[in-house]
N, C-alpha and C. Protein backbone atom coordinates (compact mmCIF):
# COMPACT_ATOMS: atom_id res chain seq x y z
N MET A 1 13.25 -72.41 -1.86
CA MET A 1 13.80 -71.80 -0.54
C MET A 1 12.28 -71.19 -0.75
N LYS A 2 11.31 -70.26 -1.58
CA LYS A 2 10.55 -69.51 -1.07
C LYS A 2 9.27 -70.68 -0.87
N LYS A 3 8.95 -71.94 -1.04
CA LYS A 3 8.61 -72.68 -0.47
C LYS A 3 8.74 -72.86 0.81
N ARG A 4 10.24 -73.28 1.37
CA ARG A 4 10.41 -73.27 2.20
C ARG A 4 9.76 -72.18 3.05
N ILE A 5 10.44 -70.88 3.04
CA ILE A 5 9.67 -69.73 3.55
C ILE A 5 7.80 -69.47 3.96
N ARG A 6 7.55 -69.60 2.46
CA ARG A 6 6.21 -69.88 3.23
C ARG A 6 5.72 -71.11 3.62
N ASP A 7 5.83 -71.78 3.55
CA ASP A 7 5.56 -73.21 4.94
C ASP A 7 5.85 -72.42 5.90
N VAL A 8 6.69 -72.30 6.72
CA VAL A 8 7.39 -71.63 7.85
C VAL A 8 6.46 -70.37 8.22
N CYS A 9 6.60 -69.89 7.13
CA CYS A 9 5.66 -68.11 7.87
C CYS A 9 3.68 -68.78 8.27
N GLY A 10 3.62 -69.64 6.94
CA GLY A 10 2.11 -69.83 6.84
C GLY A 10 1.33 -70.71 7.26
N ASN A 11 2.17 -71.41 8.60
CA ASN A 11 1.92 -72.42 9.49
C ASN A 11 1.10 -71.82 10.28
N THR A 12 -0.33 -72.16 10.71
CA THR A 12 -1.20 -72.08 11.75
C THR A 12 -1.62 -72.95 12.24
N ARG A 13 -0.75 -74.21 12.14
CA ARG A 13 -1.00 -75.43 13.14
C ARG A 13 -0.57 -74.88 14.56
N GLY A 14 -1.54 -75.06 15.38
CA GLY A 14 -1.52 -74.77 17.12
C GLY A 14 -1.98 -73.14 17.80
N GLU A 15 -2.51 -72.59 16.58
CA GLU A 15 -3.10 -71.35 17.16
C GLU A 15 -4.19 -71.40 18.21
N GLY A 16 -4.60 -72.37 17.72
CA GLY A 16 -6.20 -72.88 18.25
C GLY A 16 -5.55 -72.40 19.85
N TYR A 17 -4.83 -73.49 19.80
CA TYR A 17 -3.98 -73.60 21.24
C TYR A 17 -4.04 -72.28 22.01
N ILE A 18 -3.31 -71.85 21.74
CA ILE A 18 -2.88 -70.22 22.00
C ILE A 18 -4.08 -69.47 22.10
N ASP A 19 -4.73 -69.61 21.48
CA ASP A 19 -6.03 -68.50 21.13
C ASP A 19 -6.89 -68.64 22.82
N THR A 20 -7.34 -69.95 22.93
CA THR A 20 -7.88 -71.10 24.07
C THR A 20 -7.01 -70.23 24.97
N ALA A 21 -5.93 -70.51 25.65
CA ALA A 21 -4.54 -69.83 27.26
C ALA A 21 -5.26 -68.96 27.18
N VAL A 22 -4.93 -68.15 26.41
CA VAL A 22 -4.81 -66.60 26.58
C VAL A 22 -6.00 -66.38 26.83
N GLY A 23 -7.96 -66.76 26.52
CA GLY A 23 -9.06 -66.62 26.76
C GLY A 23 -9.19 -67.10 27.97
N VAL A 24 -8.71 -68.01 28.55
CA VAL A 24 -8.83 -68.90 29.93
C VAL A 24 -7.71 -67.98 30.94
N PHE A 25 -6.87 -67.02 30.28
CA PHE A 25 -6.14 -66.46 31.28
C PHE A 25 -7.23 -65.33 31.31
N CYS A 26 -7.30 -64.52 30.23
CA CYS A 26 -8.37 -63.63 30.57
C CYS A 26 -10.15 -64.00 31.35
N LEU A 27 -10.55 -64.98 31.37
CA LEU A 27 -11.71 -65.57 31.68
C LEU A 27 -11.13 -65.27 33.40
N MET A 28 -10.04 -66.57 33.88
CA MET A 28 -9.94 -66.04 35.12
C MET A 28 -9.25 -65.02 35.82
N PHE A 29 -8.64 -64.21 35.05
CA PHE A 29 -8.56 -62.24 35.81
C PHE A 29 -9.37 -62.24 36.26
N VAL A 30 -11.06 -61.90 35.44
CA VAL A 30 -12.16 -61.41 35.99
C VAL A 30 -12.58 -61.71 36.55
N VAL A 31 -12.63 -63.46 36.63
CA VAL A 31 -13.51 -64.00 38.27
C VAL A 31 -12.16 -64.00 39.47
N ALA A 32 -11.29 -63.76 39.96
CA ALA A 32 -10.59 -63.12 40.24
C ALA A 32 -11.02 -61.84 40.42
N LEU A 33 -11.40 -61.20 40.14
CA LEU A 33 -11.44 -59.74 40.02
C LEU A 33 -12.44 -59.34 40.97
N ALA A 34 -13.59 -59.83 40.46
CA ALA A 34 -14.85 -60.20 40.54
C ALA A 34 -14.45 -60.59 41.98
N MET A 35 -13.87 -61.67 42.56
CA MET A 35 -13.86 -62.33 44.01
C MET A 35 -13.21 -60.87 44.62
N VAL A 36 -12.58 -59.68 44.73
CA VAL A 36 -11.77 -59.11 44.86
C VAL A 36 -12.61 -57.86 45.39
N LEU A 37 -13.95 -57.51 44.23
CA LEU A 37 -14.48 -56.09 44.57
C LEU A 37 -16.10 -56.34 44.98
N PHE A 38 -16.34 -57.93 44.90
CA PHE A 38 -18.12 -58.44 45.43
C PHE A 38 -17.89 -57.80 46.69
N PRO A 39 -16.84 -58.60 47.81
CA PRO A 39 -17.17 -57.99 49.30
C PRO A 39 -17.86 -56.54 49.89
N VAL A 40 -16.73 -55.55 48.89
CA VAL A 40 -17.51 -54.24 48.75
C VAL A 40 -18.32 -53.64 48.18
N PHE A 41 -18.81 -54.36 47.25
CA PHE A 41 -20.45 -54.15 47.26
C PHE A 41 -21.25 -55.08 48.12
N MET A 42 -20.92 -55.55 48.94
CA MET A 42 -21.63 -56.42 49.84
C MET A 42 -22.00 -55.53 50.91
N LYS A 43 -20.64 -55.51 51.39
CA LYS A 43 -20.65 -54.28 52.72
C LYS A 43 -21.38 -52.75 51.57
N LYS A 44 -21.06 -52.42 50.95
CA LYS A 44 -21.96 -51.09 50.24
C LYS A 44 -23.53 -51.44 50.75
N GLN A 45 -23.92 -52.36 50.39
CA GLN A 45 -25.64 -52.80 50.99
C GLN A 45 -25.91 -53.04 51.74
N GLN A 46 -24.77 -53.37 52.85
CA GLN A 46 -25.26 -53.81 54.23
C GLN A 46 -25.08 -51.98 55.02
N LEU A 47 -24.28 -51.34 54.54
CA LEU A 47 -24.32 -50.06 55.41
C LEU A 47 -25.51 -49.43 54.48
N ASP A 48 -25.85 -49.30 53.75
CA ASP A 48 -27.23 -48.87 53.25
C ASP A 48 -28.62 -49.32 54.15
N THR A 49 -28.29 -50.67 53.84
CA THR A 49 -29.03 -51.02 55.33
C THR A 49 -29.15 -49.96 56.43
N PHE A 50 -28.29 -50.92 57.08
CA PHE A 50 -27.78 -50.03 58.53
C PHE A 50 -28.35 -48.70 58.32
N ALA A 51 -28.53 -47.80 57.13
CA ALA A 51 -28.92 -46.55 58.01
C ALA A 51 -29.98 -46.22 57.16
N ASP A 52 -30.92 -47.05 56.87
CA ASP A 52 -32.58 -47.20 56.99
C ASP A 52 -32.81 -47.21 57.80
N GLU A 53 -32.39 -48.60 58.71
CA GLU A 53 -33.00 -49.01 59.61
C GLU A 53 -32.30 -48.02 60.85
N ILE A 54 -31.77 -47.30 60.69
CA ILE A 54 -31.26 -46.56 61.91
C ILE A 54 -32.25 -45.11 62.05
N VAL A 55 -32.47 -44.69 60.46
CA VAL A 55 -33.13 -43.94 60.82
C VAL A 55 -34.83 -44.10 60.60
N ARG A 56 -35.09 -45.01 60.46
CA ARG A 56 -36.74 -45.89 60.65
C ARG A 56 -36.94 -45.92 62.11
N GLN A 57 -35.79 -46.22 62.56
CA GLN A 57 -36.24 -46.41 64.25
C GLN A 57 -36.12 -44.73 65.31
N ALA A 58 -35.30 -44.04 65.03
CA ALA A 58 -35.46 -42.55 64.92
C ALA A 58 -36.84 -41.85 64.95
N GLU A 59 -37.33 -42.64 63.75
CA GLU A 59 -38.36 -41.58 62.97
C GLU A 59 -39.98 -42.27 64.28
N ILE A 60 -39.49 -43.80 64.58
CA ILE A 60 -40.64 -44.32 65.65
C ILE A 60 -40.75 -43.44 66.71
N VAL A 61 -39.08 -44.06 67.42
CA VAL A 61 -39.80 -42.70 69.23
C VAL A 61 -39.09 -41.86 69.33
N GLY A 62 -38.92 -40.66 68.20
CA GLY A 62 -38.65 -39.06 67.87
C GLY A 62 -37.09 -38.92 68.38
N SER A 63 -36.36 -40.00 68.24
CA SER A 63 -35.32 -39.15 68.78
C SER A 63 -33.74 -39.89 68.35
N THR A 64 -32.95 -39.57 68.53
CA THR A 64 -31.43 -39.73 67.51
C THR A 64 -31.37 -40.78 68.67
N ASP A 65 -31.85 -41.35 69.78
CA ASP A 65 -31.05 -41.45 70.64
C ASP A 65 -31.34 -43.65 70.61
N VAL A 66 -30.56 -43.94 69.83
CA VAL A 66 -31.39 -44.90 69.14
C VAL A 66 -30.05 -46.26 69.21
N SER A 67 -28.85 -46.01 70.28
CA SER A 67 -28.05 -46.71 70.43
C SER A 67 -28.25 -48.27 70.67
N GLY A 68 -29.17 -48.49 71.42
CA GLY A 68 -29.49 -49.94 70.98
C GLY A 68 -30.01 -50.58 70.17
N ARG A 69 -30.61 -50.13 69.30
CA ARG A 69 -30.45 -50.59 67.88
C ARG A 69 -29.53 -50.70 66.97
N ILE A 70 -28.61 -49.33 67.02
CA ILE A 70 -27.34 -49.47 66.83
C ILE A 70 -26.13 -50.78 67.09
N ALA A 71 -26.27 -50.69 68.14
CA ALA A 71 -25.61 -51.67 68.65
C ALA A 71 -26.02 -53.42 68.13
N GLN A 72 -27.15 -53.54 68.11
CA GLN A 72 -27.53 -54.79 67.09
C GLN A 72 -27.29 -54.88 66.05
N LEU A 73 -27.45 -53.81 65.59
CA LEU A 73 -27.03 -53.77 63.92
C LEU A 73 -25.23 -54.05 63.83
N LYS A 74 -24.65 -53.00 64.51
CA LYS A 74 -23.13 -53.77 63.90
C LYS A 74 -22.86 -54.97 64.76
N GLN A 75 -23.50 -55.55 65.78
CA GLN A 75 -23.47 -56.72 65.97
C GLN A 75 -23.79 -57.72 65.03
N LYS A 76 -24.69 -57.66 64.00
CA LYS A 76 -25.54 -58.12 63.11
C LYS A 76 -24.50 -57.99 61.44
N THR A 77 -24.30 -57.11 61.44
CA THR A 77 -23.44 -56.80 59.50
C THR A 77 -21.97 -56.86 60.31
N GLY A 78 -21.53 -56.80 61.67
CA GLY A 78 -19.78 -56.76 61.76
C GLY A 78 -19.26 -55.01 61.20
N LEU A 79 -20.11 -54.13 60.91
CA LEU A 79 -19.67 -52.71 60.53
C LEU A 79 -19.64 -52.17 61.82
N ASP A 80 -18.67 -51.26 61.41
CA ASP A 80 -18.51 -49.59 62.82
C ASP A 80 -18.32 -48.34 61.99
N PRO A 81 -19.43 -47.99 61.54
CA PRO A 81 -19.58 -46.71 61.10
C PRO A 81 -19.13 -46.02 61.85
N GLN A 82 -18.90 -44.63 61.06
CA GLN A 82 -19.02 -43.36 61.77
C GLN A 82 -20.41 -42.57 61.54
N ILE A 83 -21.35 -42.19 62.67
CA ILE A 83 -22.55 -41.91 62.09
C ILE A 83 -22.32 -40.38 62.75
N GLN A 84 -23.07 -40.14 61.74
CA GLN A 84 -23.45 -38.33 61.20
C GLN A 84 -25.12 -37.82 61.37
N TRP A 85 -25.10 -37.35 62.90
CA TRP A 85 -26.75 -36.83 62.14
C TRP A 85 -27.02 -35.25 62.07
N GLU A 86 -28.11 -35.19 61.24
CA GLU A 86 -28.43 -34.06 60.57
C GLU A 86 -29.66 -33.69 61.26
N CYS A 87 -30.23 -32.61 62.07
CA CYS A 87 -31.84 -33.05 62.57
C CYS A 87 -32.31 -31.63 62.41
N ASP A 88 -33.59 -31.15 62.76
CA ASP A 88 -34.44 -30.10 63.87
C ASP A 88 -34.67 -30.54 64.82
N TYR A 89 -33.48 -30.56 65.74
CA TYR A 89 -34.37 -30.99 67.93
C TYR A 89 -34.75 -29.81 67.72
N TYR A 90 -35.50 -31.13 68.45
CA TYR A 90 -36.83 -29.75 69.33
C TYR A 90 -36.28 -29.83 70.61
N SER A 91 -35.13 -30.65 71.20
CA SER A 91 -34.80 -30.24 72.31
C SER A 91 -33.64 -31.95 73.13
N GLY A 92 -32.78 -31.29 73.73
CA GLY A 92 -31.54 -32.66 73.58
C GLY A 92 -31.65 -33.20 71.69
N ASN A 93 -31.97 -34.82 71.96
CA ASN A 93 -31.84 -35.50 71.31
C ASN A 93 -33.17 -36.20 70.25
N ARG A 94 -34.49 -35.03 70.88
CA ARG A 94 -35.56 -35.22 70.47
C ARG A 94 -36.27 -34.62 69.31
N VAL A 95 -36.77 -34.92 68.32
CA VAL A 95 -36.95 -34.45 67.16
C VAL A 95 -38.69 -34.14 66.91
N GLN A 96 -38.78 -33.01 66.78
CA GLN A 96 -40.71 -33.01 66.67
C GLN A 96 -41.50 -33.47 65.64
N LEU A 97 -42.65 -33.49 65.76
CA LEU A 97 -43.31 -34.73 64.80
C LEU A 97 -43.25 -33.08 63.39
N ASN A 98 -42.89 -34.65 62.42
CA ASN A 98 -42.07 -33.61 60.80
C ASN A 98 -40.89 -33.38 60.72
N GLY A 99 -40.08 -33.02 61.76
CA GLY A 99 -38.99 -32.87 61.58
C GLY A 99 -37.92 -34.11 60.86
N ASP A 100 -37.35 -32.77 60.15
CA ASP A 100 -35.93 -34.09 59.42
C ASP A 100 -35.32 -34.21 60.02
N ILE A 101 -35.16 -35.82 59.58
CA ILE A 101 -34.22 -36.60 60.44
C ILE A 101 -32.85 -36.92 59.36
N GLN A 102 -32.09 -36.96 59.13
CA GLN A 102 -30.93 -37.53 58.12
C GLN A 102 -30.22 -37.84 58.64
N VAL A 103 -29.02 -38.99 58.42
CA VAL A 103 -28.19 -39.17 58.81
C VAL A 103 -27.03 -39.83 57.56
N THR A 104 -25.67 -39.45 58.28
CA THR A 104 -24.73 -40.13 56.87
C THR A 104 -24.09 -41.32 57.57
N LEU A 105 -23.44 -42.45 56.91
CA LEU A 105 -22.84 -43.52 57.68
C LEU A 105 -21.47 -43.37 56.70
N THR A 106 -20.39 -44.07 57.57
CA THR A 106 -19.11 -43.54 56.80
C THR A 106 -17.82 -44.65 57.42
N GLN A 107 -17.54 -45.30 56.23
CA GLN A 107 -17.32 -46.86 56.72
C GLN A 107 -15.93 -46.80 56.03
N ARG A 108 -14.79 -47.46 56.73
CA ARG A 108 -13.05 -47.15 55.68
C ARG A 108 -13.37 -49.00 55.19
N VAL A 109 -12.92 -49.25 54.06
CA VAL A 109 -12.74 -50.75 53.50
C VAL A 109 -11.97 -50.71 52.48
N ASP A 110 -11.13 -51.88 52.98
CA ASP A 110 -9.86 -52.07 51.59
C ASP A 110 -10.10 -53.15 50.99
N ILE A 111 -9.79 -52.72 50.06
CA ILE A 111 -9.58 -53.65 48.65
C ILE A 111 -8.23 -54.15 48.64
N ARG A 112 -8.22 -55.41 49.00
CA ARG A 112 -6.51 -56.41 48.94
C ARG A 112 -6.68 -57.09 48.02
N PHE A 113 -5.58 -56.39 46.64
CA PHE A 113 -5.41 -57.67 45.84
C PHE A 113 -3.93 -58.60 45.80
N PHE A 114 -4.44 -59.19 46.56
CA PHE A 114 -4.00 -60.76 46.63
C PHE A 114 -2.50 -59.67 46.92
N THR A 115 -1.54 -60.42 46.91
CA THR A 115 -0.36 -59.26 46.85
C THR A 115 0.19 -58.38 46.98
N PHE A 116 -0.58 -58.06 45.89
CA PHE A 116 -0.25 -56.65 45.19
C PHE A 116 -0.49 -55.26 46.32
N GLY A 117 -1.08 -55.10 47.24
CA GLY A 117 -1.32 -54.04 48.62
C GLY A 117 -2.77 -54.62 48.23
N SER A 118 -3.04 -53.10 49.56
CA SER A 118 -4.70 -52.69 50.11
C SER A 118 -4.28 -51.04 49.76
N PHE A 119 -5.86 -51.48 49.27
CA PHE A 119 -6.26 -49.67 48.80
C PHE A 119 -7.47 -49.50 49.54
N PRO A 120 -7.23 -48.38 50.59
CA PRO A 120 -8.84 -48.58 50.99
C PRO A 120 -9.30 -47.15 50.66
N ILE A 121 -10.50 -47.40 50.44
CA ILE A 121 -12.28 -46.49 50.11
C ILE A 121 -12.94 -46.59 51.31
N GLU A 122 -13.61 -45.19 50.70
CA GLU A 122 -14.66 -45.03 52.09
C GLU A 122 -16.14 -44.71 51.39
N LEU A 123 -16.77 -45.83 52.35
CA LEU A 123 -18.15 -45.83 51.63
C LEU A 123 -18.56 -44.53 52.28
N LYS A 124 -19.96 -44.63 51.36
CA LYS A 124 -21.12 -43.76 52.32
C LYS A 124 -22.52 -43.75 52.70
N ALA A 125 -23.33 -43.97 53.26
CA ALA A 125 -24.81 -44.09 52.62
C ALA A 125 -25.48 -43.47 53.75
N ARG A 126 -26.51 -42.43 53.30
CA ARG A 126 -27.25 -41.35 54.00
C ARG A 126 -28.66 -42.31 53.58
N ALA A 127 -29.69 -41.58 54.57
CA ALA A 127 -30.50 -42.19 54.84
C ALA A 127 -31.38 -40.61 55.08
N SER A 128 -33.09 -40.71 55.35
CA SER A 128 -33.76 -39.56 55.64
C SER A 128 -34.92 -39.85 55.86
N GLY A 129 -35.72 -39.02 57.16
CA GLY A 129 -36.88 -39.64 57.19
C GLY A 129 -37.42 -38.13 57.68
N LYS A 130 -38.95 -38.12 58.36
CA LYS A 130 -39.39 -37.57 59.51
C LYS A 130 -39.92 -38.22 60.75
N SER A 131 -39.77 -37.41 61.56
CA SER A 131 -40.53 -37.76 62.78
C SER A 131 -41.72 -37.68 62.89
N GLU A 132 -42.04 -39.00 63.87
CA GLU A 132 -42.97 -39.31 64.04
C GLU A 132 -44.06 -39.30 65.35
N VAL A 133 -43.37 -38.40 65.91
CA VAL A 133 -43.94 -38.32 67.76
C VAL A 133 -44.03 -36.62 67.54
N TYR A 134 -44.96 -36.50 68.51
CA TYR A 134 -44.93 -35.35 69.09
C TYR A 134 -44.65 -34.99 70.24
N TYR A 135 -43.76 -33.78 70.19
CA TYR A 135 -43.96 -33.39 71.92
C TYR A 135 -44.19 -32.54 72.08
N LYS A 136 -45.48 -32.83 73.33
CA LYS A 136 -46.12 -30.41 74.10
C LYS A 136 -45.13 -29.88 74.91
């Protein structure tokens, strides 16, 4: 009887198959999670580039009136962020030479975990620069 119990409890045949199945399941779960999160990181990178490019345009023209460049970037990236400018204004939308220009972009992105639901997160990008135009 003891020999029979030892044979049943001590038998480890097939254990490798279960370990492999669990390992493959965990690997697939990690890959699926990466595929859900990767687009969010791509959008964050695009938002950072968006902010850098409109600040650079504002530096060159000496004004925060860069709606043409913003429209181009919206079409190119597919993003439609909220834009908030913080500047040392000279008059109107103009920024005097060496005046600070800062922009903050805010974009809401939904993370969807297949059929489990949607979780909105808010991405922010900031960029700053100095005006390169002198106004008399």
